[in-house]
N, C-alpha and C. Protein backbone atom coordinates (compact mmCIF):
# COMPACT_ATOMS: atom_id res chain seq x y z
N MET A 1 -73.13 -3.20 43.55
CA MET A 1 -73.40 -3.72 42.30
C MET A 1 -73.83 -2.37 41.47
N THR A 2 -73.18 -2.15 40.35
CA THR A 2 -73.42 -1.09 39.64
C THR A 2 -74.46 -1.36 38.78
N LYS A 3 -75.14 0.02 38.36
CA LYS A 3 -76.43 -0.08 37.29
C LYS A 3 -75.80 -0.90 36.00
N SER A 4 -74.51 -0.90 35.45
CA SER A 4 -74.14 -1.64 34.05
C SER A 4 -74.27 -3.37 34.63
N ASN A 5 -73.76 -3.54 35.79
CA ASN A 5 -73.51 -4.95 36.27
C ASN A 5 -75.11 -5.44 36.58
N HIS A 6 -76.17 -4.75 36.80
CA HIS A 6 -77.51 -5.13 37.10
C HIS A 6 -78.07 -5.27 35.77
N ASP A 7 -77.83 -4.36 34.48
CA ASP A 7 -78.38 -4.73 33.23
C ASP A 7 -77.75 -5.63 32.58
N ALA A 8 -76.70 -6.18 32.78
CA ALA A 8 -76.13 -6.96 32.55
C ALA A 8 -76.32 -8.52 33.03
N ASP A 9 -76.76 -8.18 34.23
CA ASP A 9 -77.33 -9.75 34.88
C ASP A 9 -78.66 -10.03 34.37
N VAL A 10 -79.52 -8.74 34.16
CA VAL A 10 -81.06 -8.89 33.73
C VAL A 10 -80.88 -9.75 32.26
N ALA A 11 -80.06 -9.17 31.56
CA ALA A 11 -79.66 -9.82 30.03
C ALA A 11 -79.24 -11.16 30.20
N PHE A 12 -78.52 -11.51 31.29
CA PHE A 12 -77.95 -12.83 31.31
C PHE A 12 -79.08 -13.84 31.90
N ILE A 13 -80.11 -13.49 32.73
CA ILE A 13 -81.11 -14.13 33.39
C ILE A 13 -82.27 -14.25 32.04
N GLN A 14 -82.24 -13.14 31.04
CA GLN A 14 -83.19 -13.36 30.05
C GLN A 14 -82.58 -14.58 29.02
N ALA A 15 -81.18 -14.37 28.85
CA ALA A 15 -80.82 -15.39 27.79
C ALA A 15 -80.85 -16.78 28.41
N LEU A 16 -80.93 -17.04 29.66
CA LEU A 16 -80.77 -18.28 30.33
C LEU A 16 -82.41 -18.83 30.03
N ALA A 17 -83.34 -17.85 30.56
CA ALA A 17 -84.45 -18.39 29.95
C ALA A 17 -84.82 -18.80 28.71
N GLU A 18 -84.38 -17.85 27.76
CA GLU A 18 -84.34 -18.08 26.36
C GLU A 18 -83.96 -19.51 25.89
N LEU A 19 -82.66 -19.87 26.58
CA LEU A 19 -82.02 -21.17 26.51
C LEU A 19 -82.78 -21.97 26.90
N LEU A 20 -83.35 -22.17 28.10
CA LEU A 20 -84.37 -23.19 28.72
C LEU A 20 -85.54 -23.28 27.88
N ARG A 21 -85.94 -22.57 26.81
CA ARG A 21 -87.03 -22.44 26.39
C ARG A 21 -86.45 -23.22 24.87
N GLU A 22 -85.65 -22.56 24.14
CA GLU A 22 -85.20 -23.41 23.07
C GLU A 22 -84.59 -24.72 23.07
N ASN A 23 -84.27 -25.29 24.61
CA ASN A 23 -83.63 -26.40 24.55
C ASN A 23 -84.57 -27.59 25.13
N ASP A 24 -85.68 -26.90 25.72
CA ASP A 24 -86.91 -27.66 26.13
C ASP A 24 -86.31 -28.33 27.38
N LEU A 25 -85.63 -27.21 28.13
CA LEU A 25 -85.02 -27.89 29.62
C LEU A 25 -85.92 -27.35 30.64
N THR A 26 -86.10 -28.23 31.87
CA THR A 26 -86.87 -27.85 33.00
C THR A 26 -86.21 -26.45 33.86
N GLU A 27 -84.87 -27.12 33.88
CA GLU A 27 -84.17 -26.11 35.13
C GLU A 27 -82.69 -25.93 34.57
N LEU A 28 -82.02 -24.63 34.85
CA LEU A 28 -80.64 -24.21 34.87
C LEU A 28 -80.39 -23.60 35.90
N GLN A 29 -79.33 -23.66 36.45
CA GLN A 29 -78.36 -23.22 37.79
C GLN A 29 -77.26 -22.92 37.38
N VAL A 30 -76.82 -21.42 37.52
CA VAL A 30 -75.63 -20.98 37.17
C VAL A 30 -75.19 -19.91 38.47
N LYS A 31 -73.66 -20.33 38.66
CA LYS A 31 -73.38 -19.22 39.56
C LYS A 31 -72.14 -18.33 38.81
N ARG A 32 -72.29 -16.98 38.96
CA ARG A 32 -71.37 -15.90 38.25
C ARG A 32 -70.51 -15.41 39.62
N GLU A 33 -69.00 -15.66 39.36
CA GLU A 33 -68.19 -14.86 40.18
C GLU A 33 -67.76 -13.57 39.74
N TYR A 34 -67.96 -12.53 40.49
CA TYR A 34 -67.41 -11.00 39.79
C TYR A 34 -66.12 -10.78 40.65
N GLY A 35 -66.17 -11.30 41.95
CA GLY A 35 -65.02 -10.76 42.87
C GLY A 35 -65.05 -11.68 43.92
N GLU A 36 -64.09 -11.43 45.15
CA GLU A 36 -64.38 -12.16 46.18
C GLU A 36 -65.42 -12.24 47.00
N ASP A 37 -66.04 -11.04 47.30
CA ASP A 37 -67.46 -10.72 48.05
C ASP A 37 -68.61 -10.35 47.24
N ASP A 38 -68.51 -10.71 45.67
CA ASP A 38 -69.45 -10.32 44.74
C ASP A 38 -69.68 -11.60 43.81
N SER A 39 -70.82 -12.03 43.86
CA SER A 39 -71.20 -13.22 43.02
C SER A 39 -72.76 -13.14 42.91
N LEU A 40 -73.33 -13.87 41.86
CA LEU A 40 -74.73 -14.11 41.28
C LEU A 40 -75.04 -15.37 41.12
N ASN A 41 -76.06 -15.84 42.24
CA ASN A 41 -76.66 -17.22 41.95
C ASN A 41 -77.85 -17.08 41.14
N VAL A 42 -78.24 -17.86 40.11
CA VAL A 42 -79.28 -17.78 39.41
C VAL A 42 -79.84 -19.47 39.32
N ARG A 43 -81.21 -19.50 39.52
CA ARG A 43 -81.77 -20.91 39.15
C ARG A 43 -83.13 -20.35 38.56
N VAL A 44 -82.90 -20.88 36.94
CA VAL A 44 -84.34 -20.50 36.17
C VAL A 44 -84.91 -21.99 35.82
N SER A 45 -86.51 -22.04 36.18
CA SER A 45 -86.84 -23.21 35.92
C SER A 45 -88.40 -23.11 35.41
N ARG A 46 -88.62 -24.03 34.58
CA ARG A 46 -89.91 -24.23 34.00
C ARG A 46 -90.96 -24.80 34.62
N GLN A 47 -92.09 -23.78 34.63
CA GLN A 47 -93.10 -24.70 35.73
C GLN A 47 -94.21 -25.38 34.95
N MET A 48 -95.29 -26.04 35.21
CA MET A 48 -96.19 -26.58 34.35
C MET A 48 -96.67 -25.77 33.29
N ALA A 49 -97.00 -24.49 33.55
CA ALA A 49 -98.01 -23.59 32.66
C ALA A 49 -96.64 -23.15 31.45
N GLN A 50 -95.68 -23.76 31.74
CA GLN A 50 -94.59 -23.17 30.66
C GLN A 50 -94.37 -21.86 31.06
N GLN A 51 -94.39 -21.36 32.40
CA GLN A 51 -93.77 -20.32 32.81
C GLN A 51 -92.32 -20.25 33.00
N VAL A 52 -91.63 -19.31 33.20
CA VAL A 52 -90.08 -19.14 33.47
C VAL A 52 -90.27 -18.54 34.90
N VAL A 53 -89.57 -19.08 36.09
CA VAL A 53 -89.46 -18.45 37.16
C VAL A 53 -87.83 -18.42 37.26
N ALA A 54 -87.31 -17.03 37.61
CA ALA A 54 -85.93 -16.98 38.18
C ALA A 54 -86.11 -16.59 39.71
N GLN A 55 -85.02 -17.37 40.33
CA GLN A 55 -84.46 -17.20 41.41
C GLN A 55 -83.16 -16.32 41.55
N VAL A 56 -83.08 -15.24 42.06
CA VAL A 56 -81.64 -14.57 42.27
C VAL A 56 -81.31 -14.47 43.69
N ALA A 57 -80.14 -14.93 43.90
CA ALA A 57 -79.46 -14.79 45.38
C ALA A 57 -78.17 -13.83 45.30
N ALA A 58 -78.14 -12.63 45.74
CA ALA A 58 -77.28 -11.93 45.53
C ALA A 58 -76.93 -10.96 46.99
N PRO A 59 -75.69 -10.51 46.78
CA PRO A 59 -75.32 -9.80 48.42
C PRO A 59 -76.40 -9.02 48.41
N ALA A 60 -77.07 -8.37 47.86
CA ALA A 60 -78.03 -7.08 48.36
C ALA A 60 -79.22 -8.08 48.23
N PRO A 61 -80.28 -7.48 49.37
CA PRO A 61 -81.54 -8.19 49.43
C PRO A 61 -82.40 -8.23 48.53
N VAL A 62 -82.88 -9.22 47.87
CA VAL A 62 -83.85 -9.10 46.73
C VAL A 62 -85.23 -10.04 47.03
N ALA A 63 -86.20 -8.97 46.88
CA ALA A 63 -87.60 -9.72 47.08
C ALA A 63 -87.87 -11.00 46.04
N ALA A 64 -88.44 -11.92 46.70
CA ALA A 64 -88.69 -13.27 45.90
C ALA A 64 -90.23 -13.18 45.82
N ALA A 65 -90.57 -13.50 44.63
CA ALA A 65 -92.05 -13.69 44.57
C ALA A 65 -92.48 -15.06 44.58
N ALA A 66 -93.88 -15.26 45.56
CA ALA A 66 -94.24 -16.83 45.42
C ALA A 66 -94.68 -17.08 44.18
N PRO A 67 -94.30 -18.73 44.15
CA PRO A 67 -94.89 -19.24 42.69
C PRO A 67 -96.25 -19.29 42.98
N ALA A 68 -96.74 -19.19 41.56
CA ALA A 68 -98.31 -19.25 41.61
C ALA A 68 -98.64 -20.81 41.77
N ALA A 69 -99.81 -21.10 42.76
CA ALA A 69 -100.20 -22.43 42.91
C ALA A 69 -101.07 -22.85 42.04
N ALA A 70 -101.03 -24.13 41.19
CA ALA A 70 -101.95 -24.21 40.07
C ALA A 70 -102.89 -25.49 40.72
N ALA A 71 -104.17 -24.86 40.55
CA ALA A 71 -105.02 -25.84 40.87
C ALA A 71 -105.41 -26.92 39.64
N PRO A 72 -105.97 -28.30 39.92
CA PRO A 72 -106.59 -28.98 38.84
C PRO A 72 -107.91 -28.51 38.43
N ALA A 73 -108.05 -28.34 37.13
CA ALA A 73 -109.20 -28.11 36.17
C ALA A 73 -110.38 -28.88 36.96
N SER A 74 -111.49 -28.24 37.24
CA SER A 74 -112.72 -28.76 37.57
C SER A 74 -112.83 -29.41 38.75
N GLU A 75 -112.16 -28.84 39.75
CA GLU A 75 -112.00 -29.51 41.04
C GLU A 75 -113.18 -29.34 41.79
N PRO A 76 -113.80 -30.54 42.25
CA PRO A 76 -114.97 -30.20 43.30
C PRO A 76 -114.59 -30.02 44.75
N ALA A 77 -115.74 -29.60 44.99
CA ALA A 77 -115.45 -29.09 46.75
C ALA A 77 -114.85 -30.47 47.67
N ALA A 78 -115.45 -31.86 47.13
CA ALA A 78 -114.88 -32.29 47.96
C ALA A 78 -113.24 -32.60 47.90
N ASP A 79 -112.54 -33.03 48.77
CA ASP A 79 -110.94 -33.60 48.81
C ASP A 79 -110.88 -34.99 47.96
N PRO A 80 -110.41 -34.86 46.57
CA PRO A 80 -110.15 -35.78 45.71
C PRO A 80 -108.97 -37.17 46.86
N ALA A 81 -108.25 -36.75 47.64
CA ALA A 81 -107.45 -37.68 48.45
C ALA A 81 -108.26 -38.60 49.26
N SER A 82 -109.55 -38.00 49.52
CA SER A 82 -110.58 -38.74 50.43
C SER A 82 -111.26 -39.78 49.64
N ASP A 83 -111.05 -39.71 48.44
CA ASP A 83 -112.03 -40.51 47.88
C ASP A 83 -111.38 -41.98 47.81
N PRO A 84 -112.05 -42.97 48.19
CA PRO A 84 -111.65 -44.30 48.16
C PRO A 84 -110.94 -44.96 47.05
N GLY A 85 -111.43 -44.43 45.98
CA GLY A 85 -110.55 -44.80 44.67
C GLY A 85 -109.68 -44.37 44.21
N ALA A 86 -108.99 -43.17 44.99
CA ALA A 86 -107.94 -42.51 44.58
C ALA A 86 -106.55 -43.25 44.59
N VAL A 87 -105.63 -42.96 43.45
CA VAL A 87 -104.47 -43.56 43.60
C VAL A 87 -103.61 -42.18 43.96
N THR A 88 -102.50 -42.46 44.87
CA THR A 88 -101.66 -41.32 45.34
C THR A 88 -100.22 -41.59 44.68
N SER A 89 -99.56 -40.32 44.97
CA SER A 89 -98.08 -40.39 44.45
C SER A 89 -97.31 -40.88 45.43
N PRO A 90 -96.59 -42.22 45.32
CA PRO A 90 -95.74 -42.96 46.25
C PRO A 90 -94.55 -41.74 46.68
N MET A 91 -94.36 -40.58 45.94
CA MET A 91 -93.15 -39.92 45.86
C MET A 91 -93.37 -38.53 45.34
N VAL A 92 -92.29 -37.54 45.53
CA VAL A 92 -92.15 -36.40 45.27
C VAL A 92 -91.61 -36.36 43.60
N GLY A 93 -92.19 -36.01 42.57
CA GLY A 93 -91.69 -35.86 41.28
C GLY A 93 -92.37 -35.06 40.59
N THR A 94 -92.25 -35.63 39.09
CA THR A 94 -92.80 -34.67 37.91
C THR A 94 -93.58 -35.85 37.32
N VAL A 95 -94.85 -35.55 36.90
CA VAL A 95 -95.90 -36.72 36.44
C VAL A 95 -95.84 -36.47 34.69
N TYR A 96 -95.46 -37.92 34.15
CA TYR A 96 -95.63 -38.01 32.72
C TYR A 96 -96.65 -38.75 32.37
N MET A 97 -97.54 -38.48 31.70
CA MET A 97 -98.82 -39.16 31.13
C MET A 97 -98.38 -40.22 29.92
N GLN A 98 -97.23 -40.07 29.16
CA GLN A 98 -96.95 -40.80 28.32
C GLN A 98 -95.52 -41.49 28.55
N ALA A 99 -95.19 -42.43 27.49
CA ALA A 99 -93.69 -42.99 27.96
C ALA A 99 -92.78 -42.00 27.20
N GLU A 100 -93.29 -41.23 25.99
CA GLU A 100 -92.20 -40.44 25.32
C GLU A 100 -93.06 -39.37 24.81
N PRO A 101 -92.95 -38.25 24.76
CA PRO A 101 -93.21 -37.20 23.86
C PRO A 101 -93.79 -37.43 22.60
N GLY A 102 -95.08 -37.33 22.30
CA GLY A 102 -95.69 -37.59 21.13
C GLY A 102 -96.29 -39.02 21.17
N ALA A 103 -96.13 -40.00 22.37
CA ALA A 103 -96.55 -41.21 22.16
C ALA A 103 -98.13 -40.98 23.05
N PRO A 104 -98.94 -42.19 22.86
CA PRO A 104 -100.42 -42.07 23.31
C PRO A 104 -100.31 -41.89 25.03
N SER A 105 -101.17 -41.28 25.31
CA SER A 105 -101.01 -41.47 26.94
C SER A 105 -101.47 -42.66 27.27
N PHE A 106 -101.26 -43.37 28.69
CA PHE A 106 -101.23 -44.37 29.38
C PHE A 106 -102.69 -44.79 29.59
N ILE A 107 -103.35 -43.37 29.87
CA ILE A 107 -104.65 -43.72 30.20
C ILE A 107 -105.76 -42.88 29.76
N LYS A 108 -107.09 -42.90 29.90
CA LYS A 108 -107.82 -41.72 29.41
C LYS A 108 -109.04 -42.10 30.45
N VAL A 109 -109.75 -40.76 30.72
CA VAL A 109 -111.16 -40.92 31.45
C VAL A 109 -112.09 -42.08 30.44
N GLY A 110 -112.49 -42.93 31.59
CA GLY A 110 -113.48 -44.03 31.27
C GLY A 110 -112.69 -45.13 30.41
N GLN A 111 -111.51 -45.09 30.66
CA GLN A 111 -110.59 -46.29 30.06
C GLN A 111 -110.68 -47.53 31.43
N GLN A 112 -110.82 -48.69 30.71
CA GLN A 112 -110.72 -49.94 31.63
C GLN A 112 -109.56 -50.19 31.96
N VAL A 113 -108.73 -50.61 33.30
CA VAL A 113 -107.44 -50.76 33.40
C VAL A 113 -107.49 -52.21 34.33
N SER A 114 -106.21 -52.94 33.96
CA SER A 114 -106.09 -54.11 34.85
C SER A 114 -105.07 -53.84 36.22
N GLU A 115 -105.23 -54.49 37.10
CA GLU A 115 -104.32 -54.30 38.09
C GLU A 115 -102.86 -54.66 37.31
N GLY A 116 -102.14 -53.56 37.70
CA GLY A 116 -100.77 -53.75 37.36
C GLY A 116 -100.31 -52.78 36.14
N ASP A 117 -101.24 -52.28 35.64
CA ASP A 117 -101.17 -51.50 34.14
C ASP A 117 -100.94 -50.25 34.56
N THR A 118 -99.81 -49.69 33.79
CA THR A 118 -98.85 -48.52 34.02
C THR A 118 -100.28 -47.32 33.89
N LEU A 119 -100.28 -46.54 35.15
CA LEU A 119 -101.20 -45.27 34.73
C LEU A 119 -100.70 -44.32 34.36
N LEU A 120 -99.52 -43.97 34.76
CA LEU A 120 -98.58 -42.77 34.44
C LEU A 120 -97.18 -43.03 35.02
N ILE A 121 -96.12 -41.86 34.73
CA ILE A 121 -95.11 -42.26 35.29
C ILE A 121 -94.87 -40.96 36.36
N VAL A 122 -94.06 -41.06 37.32
CA VAL A 122 -93.51 -40.33 38.26
C VAL A 122 -92.02 -40.15 37.88
N GLU A 123 -91.35 -39.09 37.67
CA GLU A 123 -89.94 -39.30 37.31
C GLU A 123 -89.44 -38.45 38.84
N ALA A 124 -88.67 -39.06 39.31
CA ALA A 124 -87.65 -38.63 40.46
C ALA A 124 -86.29 -38.74 40.94
N MET A 125 -85.65 -37.73 40.56
CA MET A 125 -84.34 -37.69 40.80
C MET A 125 -83.56 -38.47 39.26
N LYS A 126 -84.08 -38.26 38.34
CA LYS A 126 -83.85 -38.65 37.08
C LYS A 126 -84.15 -40.13 36.77
N THR A 127 -85.12 -40.88 37.67
CA THR A 127 -85.45 -42.25 37.70
C THR A 127 -87.11 -41.94 37.18
N MET A 128 -87.39 -42.96 36.11
CA MET A 128 -88.82 -42.79 35.57
C MET A 128 -89.40 -43.81 36.58
N ASN A 129 -90.27 -43.48 37.37
CA ASN A 129 -90.95 -44.61 38.01
C ASN A 129 -92.40 -44.90 37.56
N HIS A 130 -92.95 -46.00 36.93
CA HIS A 130 -94.30 -46.47 36.66
C HIS A 130 -94.82 -46.73 37.64
N ILE A 131 -96.13 -45.98 37.88
CA ILE A 131 -97.29 -46.29 38.68
C ILE A 131 -98.41 -47.05 38.47
N PRO A 132 -98.23 -48.10 38.93
CA PRO A 132 -99.24 -49.32 38.79
C PRO A 132 -100.68 -48.99 39.10
N ALA A 133 -101.59 -49.60 38.29
CA ALA A 133 -103.05 -49.72 38.88
C ALA A 133 -102.97 -50.57 40.11
N PRO A 134 -103.62 -49.98 41.37
CA PRO A 134 -103.58 -51.08 42.46
C PRO A 134 -104.41 -52.30 42.33
N ARG A 135 -105.52 -52.01 41.38
CA ARG A 135 -106.62 -53.06 41.13
C ARG A 135 -107.22 -52.71 39.97
N ALA A 136 -108.18 -53.90 39.34
CA ALA A 136 -108.59 -53.57 38.09
C ALA A 136 -109.81 -52.50 38.30
N GLY A 137 -110.45 -51.56 37.43
CA GLY A 137 -111.30 -51.00 37.56
C GLY A 137 -111.19 -49.76 36.61
N THR A 138 -112.21 -48.74 36.41
CA THR A 138 -112.25 -47.66 35.51
C THR A 138 -111.91 -46.26 35.81
N ILE A 139 -111.25 -45.69 35.07
CA ILE A 139 -110.54 -44.48 35.34
C ILE A 139 -111.80 -43.52 35.44
N LYS A 140 -112.10 -42.83 36.68
CA LYS A 140 -113.14 -42.20 36.83
C LYS A 140 -112.48 -40.39 36.35
N ARG A 141 -111.53 -40.44 37.13
CA ARG A 141 -110.62 -38.78 37.12
C ARG A 141 -109.53 -39.06 36.74
N ILE A 142 -108.62 -38.06 36.08
CA ILE A 142 -107.40 -37.63 36.18
C ILE A 142 -107.09 -36.23 36.84
N LEU A 143 -106.54 -36.39 37.79
CA LEU A 143 -106.25 -35.25 38.75
C LEU A 143 -105.03 -34.54 38.49
N VAL A 144 -104.18 -34.82 37.67
CA VAL A 144 -102.90 -34.44 37.26
C VAL A 144 -102.80 -33.95 36.16
N ASP A 145 -101.92 -33.11 35.33
CA ASP A 145 -101.53 -32.87 34.10
C ASP A 145 -100.20 -33.03 33.82
N ASP A 146 -99.81 -33.44 32.63
CA ASP A 146 -98.56 -33.93 32.24
C ASP A 146 -97.39 -32.64 32.48
N GLY A 147 -96.71 -33.08 33.06
CA GLY A 147 -95.64 -32.13 33.46
C GLY A 147 -95.39 -31.50 34.55
N ALA A 148 -96.88 -31.76 35.65
CA ALA A 148 -96.99 -31.25 36.76
C ALA A 148 -96.24 -31.95 37.94
N ALA A 149 -95.85 -31.05 38.72
CA ALA A 149 -94.89 -31.43 40.05
C ALA A 149 -96.19 -32.01 40.94
N VAL A 150 -95.81 -33.21 41.34
CA VAL A 150 -96.48 -33.83 42.55
C VAL A 150 -95.74 -34.16 44.06
N GLU A 151 -96.27 -33.97 44.84
CA GLU A 151 -95.95 -34.20 46.27
C GLU A 151 -96.32 -35.86 46.49
N PHE A 152 -95.67 -36.08 47.92
CA PHE A 152 -95.88 -37.58 48.02
C PHE A 152 -97.11 -37.57 48.55
N GLY A 153 -98.08 -38.19 48.37
CA GLY A 153 -99.52 -38.76 48.89
C GLY A 153 -100.54 -37.79 47.88
N ALA A 154 -99.91 -37.13 47.07
CA ALA A 154 -100.69 -36.06 46.32
C ALA A 154 -101.80 -37.08 45.28
N PRO A 155 -103.03 -37.03 45.13
CA PRO A 155 -104.01 -37.87 44.44
C PRO A 155 -103.65 -37.81 42.98
N LEU A 156 -103.52 -38.83 42.26
CA LEU A 156 -103.07 -38.55 41.02
C LEU A 156 -104.32 -38.87 39.88
N VAL A 157 -105.31 -40.32 40.31
CA VAL A 157 -106.10 -40.58 39.59
C VAL A 157 -107.18 -40.92 40.68
N ILE A 158 -108.52 -41.01 40.12
CA ILE A 158 -109.53 -41.69 40.78
C ILE A 158 -110.10 -43.21 39.81
N LEU A 159 -110.00 -44.31 40.60
CA LEU A 159 -110.12 -45.52 39.88
C LEU A 159 -111.30 -46.10 40.50
N GLU A 160 -112.50 -46.26 40.07
CA GLU A 160 -113.50 -47.13 40.22
C GLU A 160 -113.74 -48.49 39.86
């Protein structure tokens, strides 16, 4: 790959990142073919803290930076997943605290909920999955942020 190709690729990746921001997208993936044995695969995605991460797979080895792990704010020493009131994620996905942007959140700390009330939404494979309260109670803690990625079994909310 020549220096001019490298500069053009950097400009291309920056343009993709800007496109991601301007159109409020969460991910873009593009493959550029330069020739039979020369191509560029780019995946640009926006993480929870609105940072842009680009992964580049090119013919030459490229060092990849590990994404920073985001810890929930004010996390105590005890594992929230072991709390008896923990409501965990039934799937891998992205958390949404309201039905649509600008709408009020489903829950707040201190709020009373009934069994079956929607606590939040986990989007998985373009499907919005409402996570219901397993029982009636009070929201003690919310352990995830809006737009955060969650794993299967990750604690979402503490319900007492």
